[in-house]
Amino acid sequence: MAYELAQVNIGRLAAPLTSPQLKDFVDALDPINALADAAPGFVWRLQTEDGNATDVRAFEWDAGTSAGLIVNMSTWRSVEDLAAYVYSGEHRAVLKRRREWFERMPEAFTALWWVPAGHRPTTDEAEDRIRHLRAHGPTPYAFTFRETFPPGGAVPEPGHAEWLCRA
């Protein structure tokens, strides 16, 4: 069976999306999403019918006292393809500024898992993977860049040092 890598990451907003504090983040969304769409190994990303991912409602149970929560979910051909996009170039520059725009989350806010090729994960699936990762740590069911698993595999593989953003 062929597999694709699903990823979800969530962020608790430090201010409303319409605020001056988040202007640079909002302005970067379309260019950064366009880079992802054109990146080697990119397959699909969650968005509304009008192409807006910030309007997707999910993980509302996890918003806490934040100004709201946004969700990014996509599928890729491999962990390496996703990591190459996430930790290089313009996306990394935006990633380094995340503390300006999002509350610090002490628990897992990103989860990776394998799906059958062509499957488009739902937000319910993503919520389940985040909850599982928080409760059990990395497993083949939900894992991180720090500890990955091959499709259908039970033996963890260490992530590459360059995949661990310390910003």
C-alpha atoms as a PDB file:
ATOM      1  CA  MET A   1       0.000   0.000   0.000  1.00  0.00           C
ATOM      2  CA  ALA A   2       1.238   3.510  -0.797  1.00  0.00           C
ATOM      3  CA  TYR A   3       1.220   6.121   1.968  1.00  0.00           C
ATOM      4  CA  GLU A   4       1.389   9.881   2.356  1.00  0.00           C
ATOM      5  CA  LEU A   5       2.393  11.825   5.435  1.00  0.00           C
ATOM      6  CA  ALA A   6      -0.341  13.836   7.140  1.00  0.00           C
ATOM      7  CA  GLN A   7       0.578  16.731   9.382  1.00  0.00           C
ATOM      8  CA  VAL A   8      -1.403  19.032  11.602  1.00  0.00           C
ATOM      9  CA  ASN A   9      -0.229  21.962  13.621  1.00  0.00           C
ATOM     10  CA  ILE A  10      -2.310  24.311  15.684  1.00  0.00           C
ATOM     11  CA  GLY A  11      -1.622  27.691  17.161  1.00  0.00           C
ATOM     12  CA  ARG A  12      -3.303  29.686  19.903  1.00  0.00           C
ATOM     13  CA  LEU A  13      -3.461  33.252  18.680  1.00  0.00           C
ATOM     14  CA  ALA A  14      -1.885  35.945  20.852  1.00  0.00           C
ATOM     15  CA  ALA A  15      -4.316  38.497  19.374  1.00  0.00           C
ATOM     16  CA  PRO A  16      -7.192  38.498  16.866  1.00  0.00           C
ATOM     17  CA  LEU A  17      -6.238  37.884  13.223  1.00  0.00           C
ATOM     18  CA  THR A  18      -7.439  41.398  12.397  1.00  0.00           C
ATOM     19  CA  SER A  19      -5.148  43.029  14.961  1.00  0.00           C
ATOM     20  CA  PRO A  20      -2.020  45.067  14.129  1.00  0.00           C
ATOM     21  CA  GLN A  21       0.010  42.528  16.143  1.00  0.00           C
ATOM     22  CA  LEU A  22      -0.806  39.782  13.633  1.00  0.00           C
ATOM     23  CA  LYS A  23      -0.591  41.888  10.455  1.00  0.00           C
ATOM     24  CA  ASP A  24       2.796  40.488   9.367  1.00  0.00           C
ATOM     25  CA  PHE A  25       1.585  36.933   9.975  1.00  0.00           C
ATOM     26  CA  VAL A  26      -1.643  37.446   8.013  1.00  0.00           C
ATOM     27  CA  ASP A  27       0.276  39.166   5.193  1.00  0.00           C
ATOM     28  CA  ALA A  28       2.635  36.159   4.983  1.00  0.00           C
ATOM     29  CA  LEU A  29      -0.112  33.524   4.749  1.00  0.00           C
ATOM     30  CA  ASP A  30      -0.783  33.621   1.000  1.00  0.00           C
ATOM     31  CA  PRO A  31       2.890  33.722  -0.065  1.00  0.00           C
ATOM     32  CA  ILE A  32       3.872  30.973   2.400  1.00  0.00           C
ATOM     33  CA  ASN A  33       0.936  28.780   1.366  1.00  0.00           C
ATOM     34  CA  ALA A  34       1.865  29.302  -2.301  1.00  0.00           C
ATOM     35  CA  LEU A  35       5.417  28.143  -1.512  1.00  0.00           C
ATOM     36  CA  ALA A  36       4.023  25.029   0.179  1.00  0.00           C
ATOM     37  CA  ASP A  37       1.712  24.311  -2.745  1.00  0.00           C
ATOM     38  CA  ALA A  38       4.719  24.420  -5.102  1.00  0.00           C
ATOM     39  CA  ALA A  39       7.140  22.554  -2.813  1.00  0.00           C
ATOM     40  CA  PRO A  40       8.486  19.154  -3.847  1.00  0.00           C
ATOM     41  CA  GLY A  41       6.407  16.422  -2.233  1.00  0.00           C
ATOM     42  CA  PHE A  42       3.409  18.624  -1.384  1.00  0.00           C
ATOM     43  CA  VAL A  43       0.079  16.855  -1.997  1.00  0.00           C
ATOM     44  CA  TRP A  44      -2.822  18.717  -0.332  1.00  0.00           C
ATOM     45  CA  ARG A  45      -3.725  21.241   2.370  1.00  0.00           C
ATOM     46  CA  LEU A  46      -6.871  21.902   4.330  1.00  0.00           C
ATOM     47  CA  GLN A  47      -8.748  25.046   3.355  1.00  0.00           C
ATOM     48  CA  THR A  48     -12.279  26.305   2.921  1.00  0.00           C
ATOM     49  CA  GLU A  49     -13.973  26.394  -0.480  1.00  0.00           C
ATOM     50  CA  ASP A  50     -12.717  29.964  -0.938  1.00  0.00           C
ATOM     51  CA  GLY A  51      -9.134  28.928  -0.170  1.00  0.00           C
ATOM     52  CA  ASN A  52      -8.942  30.258   3.386  1.00  0.00           C
ATOM     53  CA  ALA A  53      -7.435  27.988   6.016  1.00  0.00           C
ATOM     54  CA  THR A  54      -7.889  30.473   8.880  1.00  0.00           C
ATOM     55  CA  ASP A  55     -11.672  30.019   8.679  1.00  0.00           C
ATOM     56  CA  VAL A  56     -11.486  26.280   9.441  1.00  0.00           C
ATOM     57  CA  ARG A  57     -13.097  25.546  12.819  1.00  0.00           C
ATOM     58  CA  ALA A  58     -11.514  22.741  14.793  1.00  0.00           C
ATOM     59  CA  PHE A  59      -9.708  22.156  18.095  1.00  0.00           C
ATOM     60  CA  GLU A  60     -11.982  24.701  19.764  1.00  0.00           C
ATOM     61  CA  TRP A  61     -11.680  22.653  22.976  1.00  0.00           C
ATOM     62  CA  ASP A  62      -7.985  23.650  22.992  1.00  0.00           C
ATOM     63  CA  ALA A  63      -8.243  27.423  22.542  1.00  0.00           C
ATOM     64  CA  GLY A  64      -7.962  28.160  26.253  1.00  0.00           C
ATOM     65  CA  THR A  65      -8.023  31.894  26.956  1.00  0.00           C
ATOM     66  CA  SER A  66      -6.323  32.744  23.640  1.00  0.00           C
ATOM     67  CA  ALA A  67      -7.734  35.070  20.987  1.00  0.00           C
ATOM     68  CA  GLY A  68      -8.593  31.989  18.945  1.00  0.00           C
ATOM     69  CA  LEU A  69      -6.982  28.987  17.385  1.00  0.00           C
ATOM     70  CA  ILE A  70      -5.884  28.301  13.837  1.00  0.00           C
ATOM     71  CA  VAL A  71      -5.218  24.952  12.183  1.00  0.00           C
ATOM     72  CA  ASN A  72      -2.801  23.983   9.441  1.00  0.00           C
ATOM     73  CA  MET A  73      -3.174  20.503   7.989  1.00  0.00           C
ATOM     74  CA  SER A  74      -1.629  19.002   4.867  1.00  0.00           C
ATOM     75  CA  THR A  75      -0.348  15.820   3.277  1.00  0.00           C
ATOM     76  CA  TRP A  76       3.095  15.211   1.813  1.00  0.00           C
ATOM     77  CA  ARG A  77       4.930  12.405   0.017  1.00  0.00           C
ATOM     78  CA  SER A  78       7.464  11.976   2.861  1.00  0.00           C
ATOM     79  CA  VAL A  79       8.741  13.291   6.180  1.00  0.00           C
ATOM     80  CA  GLU A  80      11.818  14.542   4.331  1.00  0.00           C
ATOM     81  CA  ASP A  81       9.717  16.573   1.858  1.00  0.00           C
ATOM     82  CA  LEU A  82       7.721  18.186   4.661  1.00  0.00           C
ATOM     83  CA  ALA A  83      10.848  18.941   6.705  1.00  0.00           C
ATOM     84  CA  ALA A  84      12.613  20.445   3.684  1.00  0.00           C
ATOM     85  CA  TYR A  85       9.751  22.913   3.313  1.00  0.00           C
ATOM     86  CA  VAL A  86       9.178  23.648   7.016  1.00  0.00           C
ATOM     87  CA  TYR A  87      12.793  24.236   7.996  1.00  0.00           C
ATOM     88  CA  SER A  88      14.161  26.130   5.031  1.00  0.00           C
ATOM     89  CA  GLY A  89      13.867  29.492   3.358  1.00  0.00           C
ATOM     90  CA  GLU A  90      10.947  31.825   3.817  1.00  0.00           C
ATOM     91  CA  HIS A  91       8.873  29.432   5.917  1.00  0.00           C
ATOM     92  CA  ARG A  92      11.664  29.136   8.488  1.00  0.00           C
ATOM     93  CA  ALA A  93      11.861  32.944   8.679  1.00  0.00           C
ATOM     94  CA  VAL A  94       8.136  33.089   9.486  1.00  0.00           C
ATOM     95  CA  LEU A  95       8.468  30.175  11.909  1.00  0.00           C
ATOM     96  CA  LYS A  96      11.146  32.039  13.854  1.00  0.00           C
ATOM     97  CA  ARG A  97       8.647  34.847  14.538  1.00  0.00           C
ATOM     98  CA  ARG A  98       5.880  32.585  15.890  1.00  0.00           C
ATOM     99  CA  ARG A  99       6.300  33.836  19.480  1.00  0.00           C
ATOM    100  CA  GLU A 100       5.135  37.285  18.297  1.00  0.00           C
ATOM    101  CA  TRP A 101       1.861  35.852  17.053  1.00  0.00           C
ATOM    102  CA  PHE A 102       1.069  32.717  19.053  1.00  0.00           C
ATOM    103  CA  GLU A 103       0.912  31.763  22.691  1.00  0.00           C
ATOM    104  CA  ARG A 104       3.513  29.291  23.882  1.00  0.00           C
ATOM    105  CA  MET A 105       2.008  25.812  24.095  1.00  0.00           C
ATOM    106  CA  PRO A 106       3.651  23.459  26.594  1.00  0.00           C
ATOM    107  CA  GLU A 107       1.894  20.424  25.110  1.00  0.00           C
ATOM    108  CA  ALA A 108       2.172  18.946  21.616  1.00  0.00           C
ATOM    109  CA  PHE A 109       0.753  21.204  18.917  1.00  0.00           C
ATOM    110  CA  THR A 110       2.082  19.348  15.862  1.00  0.00           C
ATOM    111  CA  ALA A 111       1.412  15.733  14.935  1.00  0.00           C
ATOM    112  CA  LEU A 112       2.498  13.610  11.978  1.00  0.00           C
ATOM    113  CA  TRP A 113       0.968  10.300  10.842  1.00  0.00           C
ATOM    114  CA  TRP A 114       0.729   8.130   7.758  1.00  0.00           C
ATOM    115  CA  VAL A 115      -2.443   7.905   5.675  1.00  0.00           C
ATOM    116  CA  PRO A 116      -3.234   5.815   2.603  1.00  0.00           C
ATOM    117  CA  ALA A 117      -2.247   7.720  -0.556  1.00  0.00           C
ATOM    118  CA  GLY A 118      -5.145   9.898  -1.687  1.00  0.00           C
ATOM    119  CA  HIS A 119      -6.811  10.038   1.736  1.00  0.00           C
ATOM    120  CA  ARG A 120      -7.618  13.558   2.954  1.00  0.00           C
ATOM    121  CA  PRO A 121      -7.580  13.602   6.749  1.00  0.00           C
ATOM    122  CA  THR A 122     -10.395  15.297   8.618  1.00  0.00           C
ATOM    123  CA  THR A 123     -10.091  17.712  11.509  1.00  0.00           C
ATOM    124  CA  ASP A 124     -11.620  15.025  13.732  1.00  0.00           C
ATOM    125  CA  GLU A 125      -8.748  12.702  12.784  1.00  0.00           C
ATOM    126  CA  ALA A 126      -6.252  15.486  13.481  1.00  0.00           C
ATOM    127  CA  GLU A 127      -7.756  16.221  16.892  1.00  0.00           C
ATOM    128  CA  ASP A 128      -7.524  12.524  17.745  1.00  0.00           C
ATOM    129  CA  ARG A 129      -3.839  12.415  16.700  1.00  0.00           C
ATOM    130  CA  ILE A 130      -2.939  15.466  18.798  1.00  0.00           C
ATOM    131  CA  ARG A 131      -4.762  14.029  21.824  1.00  0.00           C
ATOM    132  CA  HIS A 132      -3.017  10.681  21.343  1.00  0.00           C
ATOM    133  CA  LEU A 133       0.407  12.306  21.031  1.00  0.00           C
ATOM    134  CA  ARG A 134      -0.180  14.346  24.189  1.00  0.00           C
ATOM    135  CA  ALA A 135      -1.278  11.265  26.127  1.00  0.00           C
ATOM    136  CA  HIS A 136       1.233   8.695  24.839  1.00  0.00           C
ATOM    137  CA  GLY A 137       4.141  10.526  23.240  1.00  0.00           C
ATOM    138  CA  PRO A 138       5.406   9.579  19.775  1.00  0.00           C
ATOM    139  CA  THR A 139       4.033   6.283  18.430  1.00  0.00           C
ATOM    140  CA  PRO A 140       3.299   5.048  14.906  1.00  0.00           C
ATOM    141  CA  TYR A 141      -0.230   6.477  15.416  1.00  0.00           C
ATOM    142  CA  ALA A 142       1.025  10.053  15.979  1.00  0.00           C
ATOM    143  CA  PHE A 143       4.615  11.236  15.991  1.00  0.00           C
ATOM    144  CA  THR A 144       6.874  14.285  15.639  1.00  0.00           C
ATOM    145  CA  PHE A 145       9.894  15.413  13.644  1.00  0.00           C
ATOM    146  CA  ARG A 146      12.027  14.526  16.674  1.00  0.00           C
ATOM    147  CA  GLU A 147      10.966  10.861  16.538  1.00  0.00           C
ATOM    148  CA  THR A 148       9.482   9.588  13.294  1.00  0.00           C
ATOM    149  CA  PHE A 149       8.109   6.225  12.226  1.00  0.00           C
ATOM    150  CA  PRO A 150       8.085   4.685   8.755  1.00  0.00           C
ATOM    151  CA  PRO A 151       4.732   3.853   7.154  1.00  0.00           C
ATOM    152  CA  GLY A 152       3.329   0.848   8.960  1.00  0.00           C
ATOM    153  CA  GLY A 153       6.445   0.677  11.115  1.00  0.00           C
ATOM    154  CA  ALA A 154       6.776   0.248  14.834  1.00  0.00           C
ATOM    155  CA  VAL A 155      10.489   1.069  15.116  1.00  0.00           C
ATOM    156  CA  PRO A 156      11.115   4.760  15.707  1.00  0.00           C
ATOM    157  CA  GLU A 157      13.682   6.653  13.687  1.00  0.00           C
ATOM    158  CA  PRO A 158      15.476   9.685  15.097  1.00  0.00           C
ATOM    159  CA  GLY A 159      14.746  13.009  13.441  1.00  0.00           C
ATOM    160  CA  HIS A 160      17.531  15.009  11.843  1.00  0.00           C
ATOM    161  CA  ALA A 161      19.086  17.809  13.915  1.00  0.00           C
ATOM    162  CA  GLU A 162      18.128  20.418  11.304  1.00  0.00           C
ATOM    163  CA  TRP A 163      14.457  19.481  11.785  1.00  0.00           C
ATOM    164  CA  LEU A 164      14.467  20.702  15.379  1.00  0.00           C
ATOM    165  CA  CYS A 165      13.714  24.423  15.273  1.00  0.00           C
ATOM    166  CA  ARG A 166      14.956  26.110  18.424  1.00  0.00           C
ATOM    167  CA  ALA A 167      13.524  29.525  17.579  1.00  0.00           C
END
